[in-house]
Protein backbone atom coordinates (compact mmCIF):
# COMPACT_ATOMS: atom_id res chain seq x y z
CA UNK A 1 0.00 0.00 0.00
CA UNK A 2 2.94 2.35 0.47
CA UNK A 3 3.55 2.34 -3.29
CA UNK A 4 0.07 3.61 -3.98
CA UNK A 5 0.51 6.69 -1.85
CA UNK A 6 2.38 8.77 -4.44
CA UNK A 7 0.01 8.06 -7.35
CA UNK A 8 -3.04 8.78 -5.17
CA UNK A 9 -1.62 12.14 -4.07
CA UNK A 10 -0.78 13.06 -7.63
CA UNK A 11 -4.18 11.87 -8.85
CA UNK A 12 -5.87 14.16 -6.29
CA UNK A 13 -3.87 17.14 -7.55
CA UNK A 14 -4.66 16.35 -11.18
CA UNK A 15 -8.36 15.97 -10.40
CA UNK A 16 -8.29 19.34 -8.67
CA UNK A 17 -6.78 20.90 -11.78
CA UNK A 18 -9.40 19.23 -13.94
CA UNK A 19 -12.21 20.59 -11.78
CA UNK A 20 -10.89 24.12 -12.20
CA UNK A 21 -11.84 24.04 -15.85
CA UNK A 22 -15.39 24.61 -14.59
CA UNK A 23 -14.35 26.90 -11.73
CA UNK A 24 -15.94 30.00 -13.20
CA UNK A 25 -19.31 29.14 -11.68
CA UNK A 26 -17.98 27.65 -8.43
CA UNK A 27 -15.16 29.98 -7.46
CA UNK A 28 -17.04 31.47 -4.54
CA UNK A 29 -17.85 28.10 -2.97
CA UNK A 30 -15.58 27.48 0.03
CA UNK A 31 -16.26 23.74 0.02
CA UNK A 32 -14.99 23.55 -3.55
CA UNK A 33 -11.70 25.17 -2.49
CA UNK A 34 -10.99 22.71 0.36
CA UNK A 35 -8.24 20.17 -0.46
CA UNK A 36 -6.82 17.82 2.17
CA UNK A 37 -3.03 17.54 2.27
CA UNK A 38 -2.30 13.80 2.81
CA UNK A 39 1.39 14.17 3.74
CA UNK A 40 0.50 16.55 6.58
CA UNK A 41 -2.50 14.56 7.84
CA UNK A 42 -3.05 11.23 9.55
CA UNK A 43 -5.82 9.27 11.23
CA UNK A 44 -6.24 5.85 12.84
CA UNK A 45 -5.25 3.18 12.07
CA UNK A 46 -1.73 4.57 11.76
CA UNK A 47 1.04 2.98 9.68
CA UNK A 48 4.29 4.23 11.21
CA UNK A 49 6.35 2.89 8.28
CA UNK A 50 4.58 5.40 6.01
CA UNK A 51 4.26 8.23 8.52
CA UNK A 52 7.97 8.29 9.40
CA UNK A 53 8.65 9.38 5.83
CA UNK A 54 6.64 12.56 6.49
CA UNK A 55 7.18 13.12 10.23
CA UNK A 56 10.23 13.22 12.48
CA UNK A 57 9.72 11.93 16.03
CA UNK A 58 12.07 12.33 18.97
CA UNK A 59 12.04 12.40 22.75
CA UNK A 60 9.31 10.15 24.12
CA UNK A 61 7.00 10.47 21.10
CA UNK A 62 5.95 7.37 19.18
CA UNK A 63 3.38 6.41 16.57
CA UNK A 64 1.03 3.75 17.89
CA UNK A 65 -1.70 1.96 15.98
CA UNK A 66 -4.49 4.26 17.16
CA UNK A 67 -2.67 7.51 18.12
CA UNK A 68 0.48 9.59 18.26
CA UNK A 69 1.73 9.49 21.85
CA UNK A 70 3.66 12.71 22.53
CA UNK A 71 4.71 11.64 26.04
CA UNK A 72 3.47 9.28 28.79
CA UNK A 73 2.80 9.92 32.52
CA UNK A 74 6.51 10.57 33.19
CA UNK A 75 8.07 13.87 34.27
CA UNK A 76 10.84 15.63 32.35
CA UNK A 77 9.98 14.08 29.01
CA UNK A 78 9.89 15.90 25.68
CA UNK A 79 7.25 15.36 23.02
CA UNK A 80 8.49 16.10 19.49
CA UNK A 81 6.72 15.50 16.16
CA UNK A 82 7.53 17.75 13.21
CA UNK A 83 6.57 17.42 9.57
CA UNK A 84 9.50 17.26 7.18
CA UNK A 85 7.72 18.99 4.28
CA UNK A 86 6.86 22.70 4.09
CA UNK A 87 3.32 23.88 3.50
CA UNK A 88 3.21 25.68 0.16
CA UNK A 89 0.28 27.78 1.34
CA UNK A 90 -0.55 30.38 3.97
CA UNK A 91 -4.31 29.77 3.80
CA UNK A 92 -5.05 26.50 5.56
CA UNK A 93 -6.71 24.89 8.55
CA UNK A 94 -5.20 22.34 10.92
CA UNK A 95 -7.77 20.23 12.77
CA UNK A 96 -6.37 18.00 15.51
CA UNK A 97 -8.11 15.67 17.94
CA UNK A 98 -6.15 15.14 21.15
CA UNK A 99 -6.47 13.84 24.71
CA UNK A 100 -4.59 15.17 27.74
CA UNK A 101 -5.16 12.42 30.28
CA UNK A 102 -4.05 12.93 33.88
CA UNK A 103 -5.09 13.55 37.47
CA UNK A 104 -8.61 14.85 37.98
CA UNK A 105 -7.38 17.99 39.75
CA UNK A 106 -5.12 20.20 37.63
CA UNK A 107 -3.21 21.24 40.77
CA UNK A 108 -1.75 17.71 40.89
CA UNK A 109 -0.06 18.22 37.50
CA UNK A 110 3.34 19.97 37.16
CA UNK A 111 2.92 23.72 36.79
CA UNK A 112 5.42 23.94 33.89
CA UNK A 113 3.76 21.18 31.87
CA UNK A 114 2.55 22.21 28.39
CA UNK A 115 2.12 21.12 24.78
CA UNK A 116 1.77 23.15 21.59
CA UNK A 117 0.84 23.20 17.89
CA UNK A 118 3.24 25.18 15.69
CA UNK A 119 3.56 26.74 12.24
CA UNK A 120 7.09 28.17 11.86
CA UNK A 121 9.39 29.12 9.02
CA UNK A 122 12.38 27.06 10.21
CA UNK A 123 12.73 23.39 9.35
CA UNK A 124 12.80 22.22 12.96
CA UNK A 125 13.08 18.56 11.96
CA UNK A 126 16.35 19.35 10.16
CA UNK A 127 17.67 21.65 12.92
CA UNK A 128 17.00 19.29 15.84
CA UNK A 129 20.16 17.38 16.82
CA UNK A 130 19.04 14.29 18.69
CA UNK A 131 22.62 13.04 19.11
CA UNK A 132 23.51 15.99 21.32
CA UNK A 133 20.47 15.32 23.49
CA UNK A 134 21.54 11.72 23.97
CA UNK A 135 25.13 12.65 24.83
CA UNK A 136 24.12 15.31 27.36
CA UNK A 137 24.03 14.52 31.08
CA UNK A 138 20.22 14.50 30.87
CA UNK A 139 17.66 15.11 28.15
CA UNK A 140 16.55 18.30 29.93
CA UNK A 141 20.10 19.63 29.98
CA UNK A 142 20.48 18.85 26.28
CA UNK A 143 17.26 20.75 25.51
CA UNK A 144 18.44 23.74 27.52
CA UNK A 145 21.79 23.79 25.73
CA UNK A 146 20.10 23.65 22.31
CA UNK A 147 17.37 26.17 23.20
CA UNK A 148 14.38 23.79 23.06
CA UNK A 149 12.67 24.60 26.36
CA UNK A 150 9.56 26.41 25.09
CA UNK A 151 7.01 23.59 25.45
CA UNK A 152 9.64 21.22 24.04
CA UNK A 153 10.24 23.39 20.95
CA UNK A 154 12.77 25.98 19.84
CA UNK A 155 12.48 29.24 21.77
CA UNK A 156 13.96 31.33 18.93
CA UNK A 157 11.79 31.01 15.82
CA UNK A 158 9.76 32.84 13.20
CA UNK A 159 6.15 31.82 13.20
CA UNK A 160 3.06 31.24 15.29
CA UNK A 161 1.76 28.66 17.71
CA UNK A 162 -0.95 27.67 20.19
CA UNK A 163 0.29 26.58 23.63
CA UNK A 164 -1.85 24.50 26.02
CA UNK A 165 -0.67 24.89 29.63
CA UNK A 166 -1.69 23.72 33.10
CA UNK A 167 -1.10 27.12 34.68
CA UNK A 168 -2.14 30.70 33.90
CA UNK A 169 -0.15 33.93 33.70
CA UNK A 170 -0.19 34.17 37.51
CA UNK A 171 1.41 30.67 37.72
CA UNK A 172 -1.72 29.32 39.39
CA UNK A 173 -3.06 25.85 38.48
CA UNK A 174 -5.37 26.36 35.50
CA UNK A 175 -5.89 25.07 31.97
CA UNK A 176 -5.17 27.83 29.46
CA UNK A 177 -4.68 28.25 25.70
CA UNK A 178 -2.23 30.94 24.59
CA UNK A 179 -1.39 32.41 21.19
CA UNK A 180 2.37 32.70 20.66
CA UNK A 181 4.15 34.63 17.92
CA UNK A 182 7.82 35.40 17.26
CA UNK A 183 9.76 37.12 14.49
CA UNK A 184 13.08 35.33 15.15
CA UNK A 185 14.52 38.26 17.11
CA UNK A 186 14.19 37.01 20.70
CA UNK A 187 14.08 33.74 22.60
CA UNK A 188 10.80 33.21 24.38
CA UNK A 189 10.72 31.51 27.75
CA UNK A 190 8.09 29.73 29.79
CA UNK A 191 6.50 31.63 32.71
CA UNK A 192 7.72 34.88 31.09
CA UNK A 193 6.18 34.94 27.62
CA UNK A 194 3.93 31.89 28.03
CA UNK A 195 1.19 31.62 29.30
CA UNK A 196 0.06 35.00 27.97
CA UNK A 197 -2.05 37.53 29.83
CA UNK A 198 -4.96 37.07 27.41
CA UNK A 199 -4.85 33.25 27.43
CA UNK A 200 -8.22 31.56 27.15
CA UNK A 201 -9.17 29.51 30.23
CA UNK A 202 -10.74 26.25 29.02
CA UNK A 203 -10.80 22.85 30.71
CA UNK A 204 -9.36 20.61 27.98
CA UNK A 205 -8.02 17.81 30.22
CA UNK A 206 -9.34 14.23 30.55
CA UNK A 207 -11.60 14.38 27.50
CA UNK A 208 -11.32 14.09 23.74
CA UNK A 209 -10.93 17.58 22.31
CA UNK A 210 -11.04 18.89 18.75
CA UNK A 211 -8.74 21.84 18.04
CA UNK A 212 -9.01 23.94 14.87
CA UNK A 213 -6.12 26.22 13.91
CA UNK A 214 -7.29 28.43 11.03
CA UNK A 215 -4.44 30.32 9.40
CA UNK A 216 -4.93 33.02 6.75
CA UNK A 217 -2.42 35.58 5.49
CA UNK A 218 -3.94 38.39 7.60
CA UNK A 219 -5.89 36.50 10.26
CA UNK A 220 -5.10 33.65 12.67
CA UNK A 221 -7.88 31.97 14.66
CA UNK A 222 -8.22 28.97 16.93
CA UNK A 223 -11.30 27.11 18.14
CA UNK A 224 -11.70 24.37 20.73
CA UNK A 225 -14.66 21.98 20.74
CA UNK A 226 -15.44 20.73 24.26
CA UNK A 227 -18.44 18.53 25.08
CA UNK A 228 -20.13 19.41 21.80
CA UNK A 229 -19.65 23.19 22.21
CA UNK A 230 -17.14 25.25 20.20
CA UNK A 231 -15.16 28.00 21.96
CA UNK A 232 -12.93 30.60 20.34
CA UNK A 233 -9.43 30.50 21.82
CA UNK A 234 -8.03 33.55 20.03
CA UNK A 235 -8.42 35.68 16.90
CA UNK A 236 -5.32 37.65 15.89
CA UNK A 237 -5.15 40.27 13.14
CA UNK A 238 -1.97 39.75 11.06
CA UNK A 239 -2.46 42.56 8.52
CA UNK A 240 0.69 44.30 9.74
CA UNK A 241 2.78 41.11 9.69
CA UNK A 242 1.17 38.65 7.24
CA UNK A 243 1.73 34.92 7.56
CA UNK A 244 4.22 33.71 4.92
CA UNK A 245 4.16 30.64 2.70
CA UNK A 246 6.53 27.75 3.30
CA UNK A 247 6.24 27.11 7.02
CA UNK A 248 6.46 23.76 8.82
CA UNK A 249 3.84 22.37 11.20
CA UNK A 250 4.65 20.38 14.31
CA UNK A 251 3.55 19.28 17.77
CA UNK A 252 5.78 19.49 20.84
CA UNK A 253 5.34 18.99 24.57
CA UNK A 254 7.17 19.16 27.88
CA UNK A 255 5.84 16.91 30.65
CA UNK A 256 7.03 19.19 33.45
CA UNK A 257 9.76 19.13 36.07
CA UNK A 258 10.09 16.19 38.44
CA UNK A 259 10.23 18.34 41.61
CA UNK A 260 9.71 16.29 44.75
CA UNK A 261 7.98 13.53 42.79
CA UNK A 262 4.47 14.29 44.07
CA UNK A 263 3.34 15.77 40.74
CA UNK A 264 2.49 13.34 37.94
CA UNK A 265 2.41 14.68 34.40
CA UNK A 266 -0.41 14.14 31.93
CA UNK A 267 -0.17 11.73 29.01
CA UNK A 268 -0.65 13.65 25.74
CA UNK A 269 -1.99 11.79 22.69
CA UNK A 270 -2.98 13.07 19.24
CA UNK A 271 -5.48 10.74 17.58
CA UNK A 272 -6.17 12.60 14.33
CA UNK A 273 -4.68 15.43 12.27
CA UNK A 274 -6.27 16.92 9.16
CA UNK A 275 -4.63 19.77 7.24
CA UNK A 276 -6.80 21.41 4.57
CA UNK A 277 -5.60 23.87 1.95
CA UNK A 278 -8.00 26.73 1.15
CA UNK A 279 -5.75 28.43 -1.40
CA UNK A 280 -6.93 27.31 -4.83
CA UNK A 281 -3.87 28.89 -6.45
CA UNK A 282 -1.33 26.77 -4.50
CA UNK A 283 -0.70 23.04 -4.51
CA UNK A 284 -0.40 23.08 -0.71
CA UNK A 285 2.38 20.53 -0.40
CA UNK A 286 5.08 19.13 -2.65
CA UNK A 287 3.85 16.35 -4.90
CA UNK A 288 5.98 13.37 -3.86
CA UNK A 289 7.80 11.76 -6.78
CA UNK A 290 7.06 14.59 -9.22
CA UNK A 291 9.85 15.96 -11.39
CA UNK A 292 10.70 19.66 -11.61
CA UNK A 293 8.94 19.84 -14.97
CA UNK A 294 5.78 18.29 -13.53
CA UNK A 295 5.84 20.60 -10.53
CA UNK A 296 6.19 23.60 -12.85
CA UNK A 297 3.25 22.32 -14.92
CA UNK A 298 1.13 21.93 -11.77
CA UNK A 299 1.94 25.48 -10.66
CA UNK A 300 1.17 26.88 -14.10
CA UNK A 301 -2.19 25.11 -14.28
CA UNK A 302 -3.12 26.39 -10.79
CA UNK A 303 -2.05 29.99 -11.41
CA UNK A 304 -4.52 32.84 -11.73
CA UNK A 305 -3.98 32.91 -15.50
CA UNK A 306 -5.53 29.43 -15.74
CA UNK A 307 -8.63 30.36 -13.79
CA UNK A 308 -10.47 32.30 -16.47
CA UNK A 309 -10.43 31.69 -20.22
CA UNK A 310 -10.79 34.45 -22.78
CA UNK A 311 -12.20 32.18 -25.44
CA UNK A 312 -12.88 28.56 -26.32
CA UNK A 313 -9.39 28.12 -27.77
CA UNK A 314 -7.64 28.91 -24.47
CA UNK A 315 -10.02 26.57 -22.66
CA UNK A 316 -9.21 23.81 -25.18
CA UNK A 317 -5.47 24.35 -24.63
CA UNK A 318 -5.94 24.07 -20.88
CA UNK A 319 -7.90 20.84 -21.31
CA UNK A 320 -5.13 19.50 -23.56
CA UNK A 321 -2.52 20.12 -20.86
CA UNK A 322 -4.67 18.41 -18.24
CA UNK A 323 -5.29 15.47 -20.60
CA UNK A 324 -1.56 15.14 -21.19
CA UNK A 325 -0.89 15.05 -17.46
CA UNK A 326 -3.58 12.42 -16.96
CA UNK A 327 -2.09 10.27 -19.72
CA UNK A 328 1.36 10.57 -18.11
CA UNK A 329 -0.12 9.63 -14.74
CA UNK A 330 -1.84 6.53 -16.17
CA UNK A 331 1.33 5.45 -17.96
CA UNK A 332 3.39 5.81 -14.80
CA UNK A 333 0.94 3.96 -12.55
CA UNK A 334 0.19 1.11 -14.99
CA UNK A 335 2.96 -1.25 -13.65
CA UNK A 336 1.74 -0.77 -10.08
CA UNK A 337 -1.84 -1.30 -11.23
CA UNK A 338 -0.89 -4.54 -13.03
CA UNK A 339 0.83 -5.87 -9.90
CA UNK A 340 -2.17 -5.00 -7.74
CA UNK A 341 -4.54 -6.55 -10.30
CA UNK A 342 -2.50 -9.79 -10.30
CA UNK A 343 -2.49 -9.90 -6.48
CA UNK A 344 -6.23 -9.24 -6.28
CA UNK A 345 -6.87 -11.93 -8.91
CA UNK A 346 -4.87 -14.44 -6.86
CA UNK A 347 -6.82 -13.53 -3.73
CA UNK A 348 -10.11 -13.97 -5.60
CA UNK A 349 -9.04 -17.42 -6.83
CA UNK A 350 -8.14 -18.43 -3.28
CA UNK A 351 -11.49 -17.18 -1.99
CA UNK A 352 -13.37 -19.05 -4.73
CA UNK A 353 -11.49 -22.27 -3.88
CA UNK A 354 -12.29 -21.80 -0.20
CA UNK A 355 -15.96 -21.27 -1.09
CA UNK A 356 -16.04 -24.50 -3.14
CA UNK A 357 -14.36 -26.49 -0.39
CA UNK A 358 -16.83 -25.17 2.16
CA UNK A 359 -19.76 -26.10 -0.07
CA UNK A 360 -18.42 -29.66 -0.60
CA UNK A 361 -17.82 -30.12 3.12
CA UNK A 362 -21.32 -28.89 3.93
CA UNK A 363 -22.85 -31.28 1.42
CA UNK A 364 -20.85 -34.23 2.79
CA UNK A 365 -21.96 -33.47 6.32
CA UNK A 366 -25.60 -33.31 5.24
CA UNK A 367 -25.31 -36.66 3.44
CA UNK A 368 -23.68 -38.21 6.50
CA UNK A 369 -26.40 -36.86 8.75
CA UNK A 370 -29.41 -37.79 6.56
CA UNK A 371 -28.31 -41.21 5.32
CA UNK A 372 -31.06 -43.79 5.97
CA UNK A 373 -30.52 -47.30 7.25
CA UNK A 374 -32.26 -49.82 5.02
CA UNK A 375 -31.27 -53.05 6.73
CA UNK A 376 -33.82 -54.44 9.23
CA UNK A 377 -31.06 -55.67 11.52
CA UNK A 378 -30.10 -52.07 11.99
CA UNK A 379 -33.68 -50.94 12.55
CA UNK A 380 -33.24 -50.68 16.30
CA UNK A 381 -30.08 -48.64 15.89
CA UNK A 382 -30.15 -44.89 15.53
CA UNK A 383 -31.69 -43.52 12.35
CA UNK A 384 -28.42 -42.29 10.84
CA UNK A 385 -24.68 -42.66 11.18
CA UNK A 386 -24.25 -39.39 13.03
CA UNK A 387 -26.75 -40.42 15.71
CA UNK A 388 -25.04 -43.81 15.94
CA UNK A 389 -21.71 -42.12 16.48
CA UNK A 390 -23.24 -39.93 19.19
CA UNK A 391 -24.70 -42.99 20.95
CA UNK A 392 -21.29 -44.72 20.89
CA UNK A 393 -19.63 -41.65 22.37
CA UNK A 394 -22.24 -41.40 25.12
CA UNK A 395 -21.89 -45.16 25.85
CA UNK A 396 -18.12 -44.88 26.11
CA UNK A 397 -18.47 -41.95 28.43
CA UNK A 398 -20.86 -43.88 30.72
CA UNK A 399 -18.56 -46.92 30.76
CA UNK A 400 -15.54 -44.75 31.56
CA UNK A 401 -17.39 -42.99 34.34
CA UNK A 402 -18.63 -46.26 35.90
CA UNK A 403 -15.33 -48.14 35.59
CA UNK A 404 -13.49 -45.05 36.69
CA UNK A 405 -15.33 -45.04 40.01
CA UNK A 406 -14.50 -48.73 40.57
CA UNK A 407 -10.85 -48.15 39.76
CA UNK A 408 -10.69 -45.19 42.08
CA UNK A 409 -12.16 -47.25 44.97
CA UNK A 410 -9.64 -50.06 44.36
CA UNK A 411 -6.77 -47.59 44.29
CA UNK A 412 -7.96 -46.09 47.58
CA UNK A 413 -8.07 -49.57 49.19
CA UNK A 414 -4.55 -50.41 47.99
CA UNK A 415 -3.28 -47.07 49.22
CA UNK A 416 -4.81 -47.75 52.63
CA UNK A 417 -3.18 -51.19 52.86
CA UNK A 418 0.19 -49.71 51.92
CA UNK A 419 -0.11 -47.10 54.63
CA UNK A 420 -0.87 -49.79 57.26
CA UNK A 421 2.09 -51.93 56.21
CA UNK A 422 4.33 -48.90 56.36
CA UNK A 423 3.20 -48.06 59.90
CA UNK A 424 3.80 -51.65 61.16
CA UNK A 425 7.21 -51.75 59.56
CA UNK A 426 8.15 -48.51 61.21
CA UNK A 427 7.16 -49.86 64.67
CA UNK A 428 9.14 -53.14 64.59
CA UNK A 429 11.82 -52.19 62.21
CA UNK A 430 14.14 -50.64 64.84
CA UNK A 431 14.65 -53.67 67.18
CA UNK A 432 14.89 -56.18 64.33
CA UNK A 433 17.60 -54.17 62.59
CA UNK A 434 19.55 -53.79 65.85
CA UNK A 435 19.50 -57.59 66.51
CA UNK A 436 20.72 -58.29 62.99
CA UNK A 437 23.50 -55.76 63.45
CA UNK A 438 24.66 -57.44 66.75
CA UNK A 439 24.68 -60.92 65.17
CA UNK A 440 26.69 -59.70 62.22
CA UNK A 441 29.19 -58.01 64.56
CA UNK A 442 29.64 -61.30 66.57
CA UNK A 443 30.21 -63.33 63.39
CA UNK A 444 32.76 -60.78 62.20
CA UNK A 445 34.63 -60.98 65.52
CA UNK A 446 34.78 -64.80 65.41
CA UNK A 447 36.03 -64.73 61.85
CA UNK A 448 38.78 -62.27 62.77
CA UNK A 449 39.91 -64.42 65.77
CA UNK A 450 40.01 -67.61 63.71
CA UNK A 451 41.98 -65.88 60.99
CA UNK A 452 44.50 -64.53 63.54
CA UNK A 453 45.07 -67.98 65.09
CA UNK A 454 45.61 -69.60 61.72
CA UNK A 455 48.12 -66.93 60.74
CA UNK A 456 50.16 -67.44 63.97
CA UNK A 457 50.45 -71.22 63.51
CA UNK A 458 51.46 -70.81 59.90
CA UNK A 459 54.25 -68.40 60.89
CA UNK A 460 55.57 -70.85 63.55
CA UNK A 461 55.56 -73.75 61.10
CA UNK A 462 57.36 -71.66 58.51
CA UNK A 463 60.02 -70.65 61.07
CA UNK A 464 60.65 -74.28 62.04
CA UNK A 465 60.99 -75.28 58.40
CA UNK A 466 63.50 -72.46 57.81
CA UNK A 467 65.59 -73.58 60.89
CA UNK A 468 65.61 -77.21 59.76
CA UNK A 469 66.66 -76.22 56.24
CA UNK A 470 69.42 -74.06 57.68
CA UNK A 471 70.80 -76.90 59.83
CA UNK A 472 70.76 -79.29 56.89
CA UNK A 473 72.55 -76.78 54.67
CA UNK A 474 75.16 -76.15 57.36
CA UNK A 475 75.89 -79.87 57.80
CA UNK A 476 76.15 -80.32 54.05
CA UNK A 477 78.65 -77.51 53.73
CA UNK A 478 80.86 -78.96 56.45
CA UNK A 479 80.83 -82.32 54.67
CA UNK A 480 82.10 -80.75 51.44
CA UNK A 481 84.85 -78.87 53.25
CA UNK A 482 86.22 -81.96 54.95
CA UNK A 483 86.11 -83.89 51.71
CA UNK A 484 87.96 -81.44 49.53
CA UNK A 485 90.16 -79.34 51.77
CA UNK A 486 91.35 -81.70 54.52
């Protein structure tokens, strides 16, 4: 599905251009001018593999299946989610649905906790150096060194934002919405520049809230829908300092200082974001995968010169350009379409095979269940094979239950007999073993004495034999001496 994203976005742009051929009668209709920007929007279910190509996440932020979690219930955590692509329009509306879930009483939340929605000129996703944050002694220290302590975002910027805080300008526990603006000439700081003195006090915690951030070149407005009622947060006239084209949108948060640990921060989640372009002379966002020539053609077709046609010839030329772009789009997407068509065809074949198998199995089961027994010898048996099988199963279960009880009673009787034998053996076993041990000791002593006596007599006999042999040898030697030497 990721491959289809580029063609779909381009197809939407081409369709918009095609509709402008008939824009003469519809130009004043605001609904006609609304175009959603898919690379700046998301809704559940989320596919993080696709979204990470458009958004940069850092800190404790993560894309889950059903929401973007900016930060959990943990103090001193940064929420950071910035879009990587600039908005090629300054007439748009950002609609976000979010939940700030925490303690029931706002006084139990950290006073410096806040989160914000931004539209700034700087590419924050390219400026943010996550490696330095990791190498710092703490994430908070890294943010302070890099100047990212204004609700988790850069304090020196050019742009506008809406900051949601858990304290008011007097630093008292309260839920407030502040409008923030900077021209890149000073670093704003929390509790000095935010919350503002004219911040709107609205209880946005522990409920699903819809926030609308309407940006026009000379007017910036924000609305908050709570419990079915819409409240205006601020309305700022920007005629003296118009909003410029090419800014980046993002969401940041700071979960608040740890303090003594008694304060627990809120968990901030964004469940849906929809960015709509109201400028019918701007594409709104870069067309992903488009060449420079195609982008130039898109811009030319959406310019004011292509809005009104002097005669039928100019209208025909415009239609020819749109037709050419459509033909190029179809040619480019044909390989992807062929692959998808082949995959869908394979899935349909598999589903048809599954359907046939299910039908055959159902028919076999019905035949097995409704088969009649024609033999009279089987007349007393159940009416069909399935009932016969059930009766056998029930009979086996009854036999097993009955025999099982008998076996259990026999096992209990054997166990009882074994316990009795064991007790008797333990009572008489001590004296019997001691008597056997005494008898064996006596036999061993007698054996040792008999062996000692036999050994003594053998030694005496051997000594006598040696003496006799010595005397005989001595006499023999004397005989030989007298015979040969005397």
